[in-house]
């Protein structure tokens, strides 16, 4: 599976929109900065058909050092959760049908609430 970088995306957008690369770079970076700022303030970001970013609080827990088997306390922390939107879900489902190498398991909203989602990639 290939990795696409921010630079790659900026180059593609600049080519497809006939804008200068420097303008696209500033726009993309401004967008990413706004996403980070909003999440930092605890706000939920919803992009229709793409997905939703929201902050979730992870509960404190006890973990174990696999090398020493010592029990370690892991404090509560915040993390970003991404819920896939309709258009992305449909695109991923279409790719999993077309390409047998990609296996994607997507759960409906009701199933996702009942049990955690897993990915078989």
N, C-alpha and C. Protein backbone atom coordinates (compact mmCIF):
# COMPACT_ATOMS: atom_id res chain seq x y z
N UNK A 1 0.85 -1.18 0.00
CA UNK A 1 0.00 0.00 0.00
C UNK A 1 0.90 1.24 0.00
N UNK A 2 0.67 2.15 -0.90
CA UNK A 2 1.49 3.34 -1.06
C UNK A 2 1.10 4.41 -0.05
N UNK A 3 2.05 5.29 0.25
CA UNK A 3 1.82 6.42 1.13
C UNK A 3 1.74 7.68 0.29
N UNK A 4 0.71 8.48 0.53
CA UNK A 4 0.57 9.76 -0.13
C UNK A 4 0.87 10.85 0.89
N UNK A 5 1.75 11.76 0.54
CA UNK A 5 2.14 12.83 1.46
C UNK A 5 1.34 14.10 1.18
N UNK A 6 1.45 15.05 2.11
CA UNK A 6 0.80 16.34 1.92
C UNK A 6 1.34 17.01 0.65
N UNK A 7 2.61 16.88 0.40
CA UNK A 7 3.22 17.45 -0.82
C UNK A 7 2.58 16.85 -2.07
N UNK A 8 2.37 15.54 -2.06
CA UNK A 8 1.73 14.88 -3.21
C UNK A 8 0.33 15.45 -3.45
N UNK A 9 -0.43 15.60 -2.37
CA UNK A 9 -1.79 16.14 -2.49
C UNK A 9 -1.76 17.57 -3.01
N UNK A 10 -0.84 18.37 -2.48
CA UNK A 10 -0.73 19.76 -2.93
C UNK A 10 -0.41 19.81 -4.42
N UNK A 11 0.51 18.98 -4.87
CA UNK A 11 0.86 18.95 -6.29
C UNK A 11 -0.33 18.55 -7.15
N UNK A 12 -1.09 17.55 -6.73
CA UNK A 12 -2.26 17.12 -7.49
C UNK A 12 -3.32 18.21 -7.57
N UNK A 13 -3.57 18.86 -6.42
CA UNK A 13 -4.58 19.93 -6.39
C UNK A 13 -4.14 21.08 -7.27
N UNK A 14 -2.88 21.46 -7.18
CA UNK A 14 -2.36 22.56 -8.01
C UNK A 14 -2.50 22.24 -9.49
N UNK A 15 -2.20 21.02 -9.88
CA UNK A 15 -2.33 20.61 -11.28
C UNK A 15 -3.79 20.63 -11.74
N UNK A 16 -4.68 20.10 -10.91
CA UNK A 16 -6.07 19.98 -11.33
C UNK A 16 -6.81 21.31 -11.30
N UNK A 17 -6.38 22.26 -10.46
CA UNK A 17 -7.08 23.55 -10.37
C UNK A 17 -6.37 24.67 -11.10
N UNK A 18 -5.19 24.37 -11.67
CA UNK A 18 -4.40 25.37 -12.40
C UNK A 18 -4.03 26.55 -11.50
N UNK A 19 -3.82 26.30 -10.20
CA UNK A 19 -3.38 27.32 -9.26
C UNK A 19 -1.90 27.12 -8.97
N UNK A 20 -1.26 28.19 -8.50
CA UNK A 20 0.14 28.08 -8.14
C UNK A 20 0.28 27.16 -6.94
N UNK A 21 1.34 26.37 -6.94
CA UNK A 21 1.59 25.42 -5.87
C UNK A 21 1.68 26.12 -4.52
N UNK A 22 2.31 27.30 -4.47
CA UNK A 22 2.46 28.02 -3.21
C UNK A 22 1.11 28.45 -2.65
N UNK A 23 0.17 28.83 -3.52
CA UNK A 23 -1.17 29.21 -3.06
C UNK A 23 -1.91 28.01 -2.50
N UNK A 24 -1.82 26.89 -3.20
CA UNK A 24 -2.48 25.66 -2.73
C UNK A 24 -1.88 25.21 -1.41
N UNK A 25 -0.56 25.30 -1.31
CA UNK A 25 0.12 24.90 -0.07
C UNK A 25 -0.37 25.72 1.12
N UNK A 26 -0.48 27.05 0.93
CA UNK A 26 -0.98 27.91 2.02
C UNK A 26 -2.41 27.56 2.38
N UNK A 27 -3.24 27.29 1.38
CA UNK A 27 -4.64 26.95 1.63
C UNK A 27 -4.77 25.63 2.38
N UNK A 28 -4.06 24.62 1.93
CA UNK A 28 -4.12 23.31 2.59
C UNK A 28 -3.60 23.42 4.03
N UNK A 29 -2.49 24.14 4.22
CA UNK A 29 -1.95 24.27 5.58
C UNK A 29 -2.91 25.06 6.48
N UNK A 30 -3.55 26.09 5.94
CA UNK A 30 -4.52 26.85 6.72
C UNK A 30 -5.69 25.96 7.13
N UNK A 31 -6.14 25.11 6.21
CA UNK A 31 -7.22 24.17 6.52
C UNK A 31 -6.81 23.22 7.64
N UNK A 32 -5.63 22.63 7.52
CA UNK A 32 -5.16 21.69 8.55
C UNK A 32 -4.98 22.39 9.90
N UNK A 33 -4.48 23.63 9.88
CA UNK A 33 -4.33 24.39 11.13
C UNK A 33 -5.69 24.63 11.78
N UNK A 34 -6.70 24.92 10.98
CA UNK A 34 -8.04 25.14 11.52
C UNK A 34 -8.61 23.85 12.12
N UNK A 35 -8.37 22.73 11.47
CA UNK A 35 -8.83 21.44 12.00
C UNK A 35 -8.19 21.19 13.36
N UNK A 36 -6.89 21.41 13.45
CA UNK A 36 -6.17 21.20 14.71
C UNK A 36 -6.69 22.15 15.79
N UNK A 37 -6.90 23.42 15.44
CA UNK A 37 -7.40 24.40 16.41
C UNK A 37 -8.78 24.00 16.93
N UNK A 38 -9.66 23.62 16.03
CA UNK A 38 -11.02 23.24 16.43
C UNK A 38 -11.01 22.01 17.35
N UNK A 39 -10.23 21.00 16.98
CA UNK A 39 -10.15 19.81 17.82
C UNK A 39 -9.50 20.15 19.16
N UNK A 40 -8.52 21.05 19.15
CA UNK A 40 -7.87 21.48 20.38
C UNK A 40 -8.82 22.18 21.33
N UNK A 41 -9.85 22.82 20.78
CA UNK A 41 -10.86 23.48 21.59
C UNK A 41 -11.96 22.51 22.02
N UNK A 42 -11.85 21.25 21.59
CA UNK A 42 -12.85 20.25 21.97
C UNK A 42 -14.05 20.21 21.06
N UNK A 43 -14.00 20.89 19.93
CA UNK A 43 -15.13 20.92 19.01
C UNK A 43 -15.15 19.69 18.10
N UNK A 44 -16.34 19.37 17.64
CA UNK A 44 -16.57 18.27 16.72
C UNK A 44 -16.55 18.83 15.31
N UNK A 45 -15.86 18.18 14.39
CA UNK A 45 -15.80 18.63 12.99
C UNK A 45 -16.54 17.63 12.12
N UNK A 46 -17.52 18.12 11.38
CA UNK A 46 -18.29 17.24 10.52
C UNK A 46 -18.15 17.71 9.07
N UNK A 47 -17.67 16.80 8.23
CA UNK A 47 -17.57 17.06 6.79
C UNK A 47 -18.52 16.08 6.12
N UNK A 48 -19.63 16.58 5.62
CA UNK A 48 -20.67 15.73 5.03
C UNK A 48 -20.08 14.79 3.99
N UNK A 49 -20.49 13.55 4.05
CA UNK A 49 -20.07 12.47 3.14
C UNK A 49 -18.62 12.04 3.30
N UNK A 50 -17.81 12.83 4.02
CA UNK A 50 -16.41 12.46 4.25
C UNK A 50 -16.26 11.78 5.61
N UNK A 51 -16.67 12.47 6.67
CA UNK A 51 -16.58 11.88 7.99
C UNK A 51 -16.63 12.92 9.09
N UNK A 52 -16.51 12.45 10.32
CA UNK A 52 -16.60 13.30 11.50
C UNK A 52 -15.38 13.06 12.38
N UNK A 53 -14.74 14.15 12.79
CA UNK A 53 -13.65 14.09 13.76
C UNK A 53 -14.20 14.58 15.09
N UNK A 54 -13.93 13.85 16.16
CA UNK A 54 -14.33 14.31 17.48
C UNK A 54 -13.34 13.82 18.53
N UNK A 55 -13.30 14.54 19.65
CA UNK A 55 -12.39 14.22 20.74
C UNK A 55 -13.09 13.24 21.67
N UNK A 56 -12.40 12.19 22.04
CA UNK A 56 -12.91 11.21 23.00
C UNK A 56 -11.93 11.11 24.16
N UNK A 57 -12.45 10.92 25.34
CA UNK A 57 -11.63 10.75 26.53
C UNK A 57 -11.39 9.26 26.74
N UNK A 58 -10.13 8.86 26.80
CA UNK A 58 -9.80 7.47 27.09
C UNK A 58 -9.67 7.32 28.59
N UNK A 59 -10.30 6.32 29.13
CA UNK A 59 -10.30 6.09 30.57
C UNK A 59 -8.91 5.64 31.05
N UNK A 60 -8.58 5.93 32.30
CA UNK A 60 -7.31 5.41 32.82
C UNK A 60 -7.38 3.89 32.89
N UNK A 61 -6.23 3.26 32.78
CA UNK A 61 -6.21 1.79 32.79
C UNK A 61 -4.88 1.29 33.31
N UNK A 62 -4.84 0.00 33.57
CA UNK A 62 -3.60 -0.65 33.97
C UNK A 62 -3.08 -1.41 32.75
N UNK A 63 -1.79 -1.24 32.48
CA UNK A 63 -1.15 -1.94 31.37
C UNK A 63 0.00 -2.76 31.94
N UNK A 64 0.65 -3.50 31.06
CA UNK A 64 1.75 -4.35 31.52
C UNK A 64 2.93 -4.19 30.56
N UNK A 65 4.11 -3.98 31.14
CA UNK A 65 5.33 -3.93 30.36
C UNK A 65 5.61 -5.36 29.89
N UNK A 66 5.63 -5.61 28.58
CA UNK A 66 5.80 -6.97 28.09
C UNK A 66 7.19 -7.56 28.40
N UNK A 67 8.17 -6.71 28.58
CA UNK A 67 9.53 -7.20 28.85
C UNK A 67 9.71 -7.60 30.31
N UNK A 68 9.24 -6.73 31.23
CA UNK A 68 9.45 -6.98 32.66
C UNK A 68 8.21 -7.54 33.34
N UNK A 69 7.08 -7.51 32.65
CA UNK A 69 5.78 -7.94 33.19
C UNK A 69 5.32 -7.07 34.36
N UNK A 70 5.93 -5.90 34.49
CA UNK A 70 5.56 -4.97 35.55
C UNK A 70 4.26 -4.27 35.17
N UNK A 71 3.35 -4.14 36.14
CA UNK A 71 2.08 -3.44 35.92
C UNK A 71 2.35 -1.94 35.94
N UNK A 72 1.75 -1.23 34.96
CA UNK A 72 1.98 0.20 34.82
C UNK A 72 0.63 0.90 34.70
N UNK A 73 0.47 2.01 35.43
CA UNK A 73 -0.76 2.79 35.34
C UNK A 73 -0.68 3.72 34.13
N UNK A 74 -1.69 3.69 33.27
CA UNK A 74 -1.78 4.59 32.12
C UNK A 74 -2.88 5.59 32.42
N UNK A 75 -2.55 6.88 32.53
CA UNK A 75 -3.56 7.88 32.89
C UNK A 75 -4.57 8.12 31.77
N UNK A 76 -5.67 8.76 32.13
CA UNK A 76 -6.68 9.14 31.14
C UNK A 76 -6.07 10.12 30.16
N UNK A 77 -6.55 10.08 28.93
CA UNK A 77 -6.05 11.03 27.94
C UNK A 77 -7.11 11.24 26.87
N UNK A 78 -6.90 12.29 26.11
CA UNK A 78 -7.82 12.60 25.01
C UNK A 78 -7.24 12.04 23.72
N UNK A 79 -8.13 11.61 22.84
CA UNK A 79 -7.71 11.11 21.54
C UNK A 79 -8.72 11.56 20.49
N UNK A 80 -8.33 11.54 19.25
CA UNK A 80 -9.23 11.93 18.16
C UNK A 80 -9.84 10.68 17.56
N UNK A 81 -11.16 10.71 17.44
CA UNK A 81 -11.88 9.61 16.82
C UNK A 81 -12.39 10.10 15.46
N UNK A 82 -12.27 9.27 14.45
CA UNK A 82 -12.78 9.59 13.12
C UNK A 82 -13.84 8.57 12.74
N UNK A 83 -15.01 9.07 12.40
CA UNK A 83 -16.10 8.20 11.96
C UNK A 83 -16.27 8.42 10.46
N UNK A 84 -16.20 7.37 9.69
CA UNK A 84 -16.25 7.43 8.23
C UNK A 84 -17.61 7.90 7.75
N UNK A 85 -17.60 8.81 6.77
CA UNK A 85 -18.83 9.31 6.17
C UNK A 85 -19.31 8.42 5.04
N UNK A 86 -20.49 8.75 4.52
CA UNK A 86 -21.15 7.92 3.52
C UNK A 86 -20.32 7.74 2.25
N UNK A 87 -19.85 8.83 1.68
CA UNK A 87 -19.12 8.75 0.42
C UNK A 87 -17.82 7.95 0.58
N UNK A 88 -17.10 8.17 1.66
CA UNK A 88 -15.86 7.43 1.89
C UNK A 88 -16.17 5.95 2.12
N UNK A 89 -17.21 5.66 2.90
CA UNK A 89 -17.59 4.27 3.17
C UNK A 89 -17.93 3.54 1.87
N UNK A 90 -18.70 4.21 1.00
CA UNK A 90 -19.07 3.59 -0.28
C UNK A 90 -17.85 3.37 -1.15
N UNK A 91 -16.92 4.33 -1.15
CA UNK A 91 -15.70 4.19 -1.94
C UNK A 91 -14.86 3.04 -1.44
N UNK A 92 -14.72 2.90 -0.13
CA UNK A 92 -13.94 1.81 0.43
C UNK A 92 -14.61 0.46 0.17
N UNK A 93 -15.93 0.43 0.24
CA UNK A 93 -16.64 -0.82 -0.04
C UNK A 93 -16.46 -1.22 -1.50
N UNK A 94 -16.52 -0.24 -2.41
CA UNK A 94 -16.33 -0.52 -3.83
C UNK A 94 -14.93 -1.04 -4.09
N UNK A 95 -13.92 -0.47 -3.44
CA UNK A 95 -12.54 -0.91 -3.63
C UNK A 95 -12.36 -2.32 -3.09
N UNK A 96 -13.01 -2.65 -1.98
CA UNK A 96 -12.83 -3.99 -1.42
C UNK A 96 -13.45 -5.05 -2.32
N UNK A 97 -14.47 -4.69 -3.08
CA UNK A 97 -15.09 -5.64 -4.01
C UNK A 97 -14.22 -5.79 -5.25
N UNK A 98 -13.69 -4.66 -5.76
CA UNK A 98 -12.89 -4.69 -6.98
C UNK A 98 -11.52 -5.31 -6.76
N UNK A 99 -10.92 -5.08 -5.61
CA UNK A 99 -9.57 -5.56 -5.34
C UNK A 99 -9.61 -6.58 -4.19
N UNK A 100 -9.37 -7.86 -4.47
CA UNK A 100 -9.43 -8.85 -3.40
C UNK A 100 -8.31 -8.68 -2.38
N UNK A 101 -7.26 -7.87 -2.68
CA UNK A 101 -6.17 -7.67 -1.74
C UNK A 101 -6.59 -6.77 -0.58
N UNK A 102 -7.60 -5.92 -0.79
CA UNK A 102 -8.03 -4.99 0.25
C UNK A 102 -9.26 -5.56 0.93
N UNK A 103 -9.15 -5.78 2.23
CA UNK A 103 -10.29 -6.26 3.00
C UNK A 103 -10.66 -5.18 4.00
N UNK A 104 -11.86 -4.63 3.89
CA UNK A 104 -12.31 -3.57 4.77
C UNK A 104 -13.59 -4.02 5.44
N UNK A 105 -13.63 -3.92 6.73
CA UNK A 105 -14.83 -4.25 7.47
C UNK A 105 -15.40 -2.97 8.03
N UNK A 106 -16.56 -2.57 7.55
CA UNK A 106 -17.21 -1.37 8.03
C UNK A 106 -18.48 -1.77 8.75
N UNK A 107 -18.72 -1.12 9.85
CA UNK A 107 -19.90 -1.44 10.64
C UNK A 107 -20.90 -0.30 10.56
N UNK A 108 -22.18 -0.66 10.60
CA UNK A 108 -23.21 0.37 10.60
C UNK A 108 -23.17 1.09 11.94
N UNK A 109 -23.88 2.21 12.04
CA UNK A 109 -23.88 3.00 13.27
C UNK A 109 -24.35 2.17 14.46
N UNK A 110 -25.38 1.35 14.27
CA UNK A 110 -25.90 0.54 15.37
C UNK A 110 -24.88 -0.50 15.83
N UNK A 111 -24.22 -1.15 14.87
CA UNK A 111 -23.23 -2.17 15.20
C UNK A 111 -22.00 -1.54 15.84
N UNK A 112 -21.59 -0.38 15.34
CA UNK A 112 -20.38 0.27 15.86
C UNK A 112 -20.55 0.67 17.31
N UNK A 113 -21.78 1.01 17.71
CA UNK A 113 -22.02 1.38 19.11
C UNK A 113 -21.96 0.16 20.01
N UNK A 114 -22.39 -0.98 19.49
CA UNK A 114 -22.43 -2.19 20.29
C UNK A 114 -21.07 -2.84 20.46
N UNK A 115 -20.24 -2.79 19.43
CA UNK A 115 -18.94 -3.43 19.49
C UNK A 115 -17.91 -2.60 18.74
N UNK A 116 -16.65 -2.64 19.17
CA UNK A 116 -15.64 -1.84 18.48
C UNK A 116 -15.38 -2.34 17.07
N UNK A 117 -15.08 -1.41 16.17
CA UNK A 117 -14.80 -1.76 14.78
C UNK A 117 -13.41 -2.36 14.67
N UNK A 118 -13.26 -3.33 13.79
CA UNK A 118 -11.95 -3.93 13.55
C UNK A 118 -11.66 -3.85 12.08
N UNK A 119 -10.39 -3.86 11.75
CA UNK A 119 -10.00 -3.81 10.34
C UNK A 119 -9.12 -4.99 10.03
N UNK A 120 -9.40 -5.68 8.95
CA UNK A 120 -8.62 -6.82 8.52
C UNK A 120 -7.80 -6.42 7.30
N UNK A 121 -6.76 -5.64 7.50
CA UNK A 121 -5.97 -5.17 6.36
C UNK A 121 -4.67 -5.94 6.32
